[in-house]
Amino acid sequence: MDLQTVVVVMVHGPSCSGKTTLVAKIKEQLSRDVNCSSLHQDDFYHQDLGCIPQITIEEENCYNWDTLEAIDTQHLVSIFKAQMKSTEKKVIIVEGTLVASLKEIVEHTSIIIFLDAAKALCVRRRQQRTYLGTPDSPNYFIQHAYATSEHAKEELLSEIANEKRSQFILTLVVGDMGVSHHDYCRVIAAIKERYWPQ
């Protein structure tokens, strides 16, 4: 396997599946050996609610956070491309519910991590959150958000299969305590294999 100067890792999963927690643990471990940065989809939502599309679910109007229109994708991709220009060994981790739909990032990604979290677990976690100060509709996540993230995952897997791409894919099952230590170690090993000489 050719060693890479910049290794891009994508962490994709539904809302409240533990993406941010996993990325923080990966960064803490890798930063001991290599420059490691992260880009979080949540940091690129449009701050003006007028820019967030709405969707009707069971006759209730909800802000649709689970569409690329709600995200400043141009800003996200521009920062990503700037970080890709690094001449030193570097790991870039991009995480979010829709990052699998960002082709400008996917095409540079070496490792794709899918978090497999049960809908019931995500619902329990989601109930504790607000988005730009707006309470979440009880039906929005169950009927729309979770399915949208899963659809983005399936589309990416189909593209990878059809184009016979060589991206390394890990699917991690998320339990009540998050990703297991064993799976976390698998992630670290897969990343190190791509930048660290054996």
Protein backbone atom coordinates (compact mmCIF):
# COMPACT_ATOMS: atom_id res chain seq x y z
CA MET A 1 0.00 0.00 0.00
CA ASP A 2 1.33 3.44 -0.96
CA LEU A 3 1.72 5.76 2.00
CA GLN A 4 -0.25 8.99 1.66
CA THR A 5 0.77 12.51 2.63
CA VAL A 6 -2.82 13.52 3.39
CA VAL A 7 -5.27 10.87 4.57
CA VAL A 8 -8.95 11.84 4.46
CA VAL A 9 -11.33 10.00 6.77
CA MET A 10 -15.09 10.41 6.44
CA VAL A 11 -17.37 9.63 9.40
CA HIS A 12 -20.99 9.35 8.29
CA GLY A 13 -24.01 8.51 10.41
CA PRO A 14 -27.43 9.72 11.48
CA SER A 15 -27.89 12.55 13.92
CA CYS A 16 -26.92 11.61 17.49
CA SER A 17 -25.06 8.44 16.45
CA GLY A 18 -21.84 9.55 18.16
CA LYS A 19 -19.87 10.98 15.23
CA THR A 20 -18.43 13.96 17.11
CA THR A 21 -17.41 11.82 20.08
CA LEU A 22 -15.65 9.30 17.83
CA VAL A 23 -13.83 12.03 15.90
CA ALA A 24 -12.61 13.62 19.15
CA LYS A 25 -11.16 10.27 20.30
CA ILE A 26 -9.48 9.67 16.95
CA LYS A 27 -7.91 13.14 16.97
CA GLU A 28 -6.67 12.72 20.53
CA GLN A 29 -4.90 9.49 19.59
CA LEU A 30 -3.51 10.48 16.19
CA SER A 31 -2.33 13.95 17.21
CA ARG A 32 0.50 12.29 19.14
CA ASP A 33 2.03 11.21 15.83
CA VAL A 34 0.67 13.38 13.03
CA ASN A 35 -1.10 16.67 12.29
CA CYS A 36 -4.82 15.85 12.57
CA SER A 37 -7.70 18.22 11.83
CA SER A 38 -11.47 17.81 11.63
CA LEU A 39 -14.36 19.42 9.80
CA HIS A 40 -17.83 19.11 11.29
CA GLN A 41 -20.93 19.51 9.14
CA ASP A 42 -22.77 21.12 12.07
CA ASP A 43 -20.35 24.07 11.95
CA PHE A 44 -21.48 24.96 8.43
CA TYR A 45 -25.25 25.27 8.75
CA HIS A 46 -26.62 28.59 7.56
CA GLN A 47 -27.13 30.74 10.66
CA ASP A 48 -30.07 32.65 9.18
CA LEU A 49 -33.20 30.53 9.65
CA GLY A 50 -34.56 32.16 6.51
CA CYS A 51 -31.99 30.15 4.56
CA ILE A 52 -33.16 26.82 6.02
CA PRO A 53 -35.77 25.06 3.85
CA GLN A 54 -38.95 23.84 5.48
CA ILE A 55 -40.73 20.53 5.19
CA THR A 56 -44.25 19.50 6.22
CA ILE A 57 -44.56 16.39 8.35
CA GLU A 58 -48.01 15.36 9.55
CA GLU A 59 -49.34 18.86 8.80
CA GLU A 60 -46.55 20.47 10.85
CA ASN A 61 -44.02 22.80 9.24
CA CYS A 62 -40.47 21.91 10.31
CA TYR A 63 -37.06 23.30 9.46
CA ASN A 64 -35.35 20.79 7.18
CA TRP A 65 -31.82 20.53 8.52
CA ASP A 66 -31.24 17.33 6.58
CA THR A 67 -30.68 18.71 3.11
CA LEU A 68 -27.53 20.13 1.57
CA GLU A 69 -29.45 23.38 1.00
CA ALA A 70 -29.30 24.00 4.76
CA ILE A 71 -25.50 23.83 4.73
CA ASP A 72 -22.94 26.27 3.38
CA THR A 73 -21.32 23.50 1.36
CA GLN A 74 -19.24 25.94 -0.67
CA HIS A 75 -17.52 27.18 2.50
CA LEU A 76 -17.05 23.65 3.82
CA VAL A 77 -15.52 22.38 0.58
CA SER A 78 -13.26 25.43 0.22
CA ILE A 79 -11.79 24.88 3.69
CA PHE A 80 -11.37 21.19 2.95
CA LYS A 81 -9.51 21.89 -0.30
CA ALA A 82 -7.24 24.38 1.45
CA GLN A 83 -6.32 21.74 4.05
CA MET A 84 -5.68 19.20 1.28
CA LYS A 85 -2.78 21.34 0.03
CA SER A 86 -0.66 20.35 3.02
CA THR A 87 2.89 19.22 2.19
CA GLU A 88 3.32 17.49 5.56
CA LYS A 89 1.77 14.27 6.77
CA LYS A 90 -1.77 15.04 7.79
CA VAL A 91 -5.08 13.37 8.60
CA ILE A 92 -8.30 15.25 7.83
CA ILE A 93 -11.52 13.90 9.34
CA VAL A 94 -14.85 15.08 7.92
CA GLU A 95 -18.03 14.13 9.75
CA GLY A 96 -21.75 14.68 9.36
CA THR A 97 -25.14 13.26 8.46
CA LEU A 98 -24.86 14.24 4.80
CA VAL A 99 -21.11 14.28 4.10
CA ALA A 100 -21.51 11.13 2.00
CA SER A 101 -23.31 13.36 -0.53
CA LEU A 102 -20.41 15.81 -0.91
CA LYS A 103 -18.67 14.42 -3.99
CA GLU A 104 -15.87 17.02 -3.82
CA ILE A 105 -14.83 15.45 -0.52
CA VAL A 106 -15.75 11.83 -1.18
CA GLU A 107 -13.42 11.65 -4.19
CA HIS A 108 -10.43 12.41 -1.93
CA THR A 109 -11.50 10.11 0.90
CA SER A 110 -9.38 7.05 1.73
CA ILE A 111 -11.38 5.67 4.65
CA ILE A 112 -15.15 5.84 5.10
CA ILE A 113 -16.61 5.04 8.50
CA PHE A 114 -20.35 4.40 8.72
CA LEU A 115 -21.90 4.50 12.17
CA ASP A 116 -24.74 2.00 12.49
CA ALA A 117 -26.93 3.34 15.29
CA ALA A 118 -30.46 2.13 15.98
CA LYS A 119 -33.18 4.69 15.38
CA ALA A 120 -34.49 4.33 18.96
CA LEU A 121 -31.06 5.16 20.40
CA CYS A 122 -30.72 8.24 18.20
CA VAL A 123 -34.23 9.39 19.11
CA ARG A 124 -33.43 9.27 22.83
CA ARG A 125 -30.29 11.35 22.30
CA ARG A 126 -31.97 13.75 19.88
CA GLN A 127 -34.69 14.66 22.37
CA GLN A 128 -32.05 16.43 24.47
CA ARG A 129 -30.98 18.81 21.68
CA THR A 130 -32.10 22.09 20.14
CA TYR A 131 -31.03 23.51 16.77
CA LEU A 132 -30.28 27.23 16.54
CA GLY A 133 -32.54 27.63 19.53
CA THR A 134 -35.50 25.92 17.86
CA PRO A 135 -37.03 22.83 19.51
CA ASP A 136 -37.09 19.68 17.43
CA SER A 137 -40.40 18.36 16.14
CA PRO A 138 -41.07 14.91 17.67
CA ASN A 139 -41.88 13.52 14.22
CA TYR A 140 -39.12 15.18 12.19
CA PHE A 141 -36.27 12.85 13.10
CA ILE A 142 -38.32 9.65 13.11
CA GLN A 143 -39.99 10.23 9.75
CA HIS A 144 -37.40 12.24 7.86
CA ALA A 145 -33.92 12.91 9.28
CA TYR A 146 -32.86 9.34 10.05
CA ALA A 147 -34.02 8.03 6.67
CA THR A 148 -32.29 10.88 4.81
CA SER A 149 -28.91 10.04 6.34
CA GLU A 150 -29.36 6.34 5.62
CA HIS A 151 -30.32 7.13 2.03
CA ALA A 152 -27.12 9.16 1.56
CA LYS A 153 -25.15 6.19 2.87
CA GLU A 154 -26.82 3.72 0.50
CA GLU A 155 -26.28 6.01 -2.48
CA LEU A 156 -22.57 6.30 -1.71
CA LEU A 157 -22.19 2.54 -1.27
CA SER A 158 -23.89 2.03 -4.63
CA GLU A 159 -21.56 4.53 -6.31
CA ILE A 160 -18.48 2.86 -4.82
CA ALA A 161 -19.65 -0.56 -6.02
CA ASN A 162 -20.56 0.64 -9.51
CA GLU A 163 -17.31 2.53 -10.00
CA LYS A 164 -15.23 -0.21 -8.33
CA ARG A 165 -13.44 2.33 -6.16
CA SER A 166 -10.83 1.17 -3.65
CA GLN A 167 -11.94 3.17 -0.64
CA PHE A 168 -11.63 1.32 2.68
CA ILE A 169 -15.01 1.06 4.43
CA LEU A 170 -15.69 0.34 8.09
CA THR A 171 -19.18 -0.05 9.54
CA LEU A 172 -19.25 0.34 13.32
CA VAL A 173 -22.22 -0.65 15.45
CA VAL A 174 -23.11 2.00 18.05
CA GLY A 175 -24.46 0.80 21.39
CA ASP A 176 -25.71 2.70 24.43
CA MET A 177 -22.08 3.32 25.43
CA GLY A 178 -21.05 4.34 21.92
CA VAL A 179 -18.52 2.61 19.67
CA SER A 180 -16.71 -0.33 21.28
CA HIS A 181 -13.04 -0.08 22.18
CA HIS A 182 -12.31 -2.89 19.74
CA ASP A 183 -13.90 -0.99 16.84
CA TYR A 184 -12.15 2.22 17.87
CA CYS A 185 -8.81 0.38 17.69
CA ARG A 186 -9.73 -0.91 14.22
CA VAL A 187 -10.26 2.67 13.07
CA ILE A 188 -6.90 3.86 14.43
CA ALA A 189 -5.09 0.90 12.85
CA ALA A 190 -6.71 1.51 9.44
CA ILE A 191 -5.71 5.18 9.45
CA LYS A 192 -2.15 4.58 10.64
CA GLU A 193 -1.66 1.95 7.96
CA ARG A 194 -2.09 4.67 5.37
CA TYR A 195 0.41 7.22 6.64
CA TRP A 196 2.78 5.46 9.04
CA PRO A 197 5.62 3.28 7.71
CA GLN A 198 5.54 -0.27 9.00
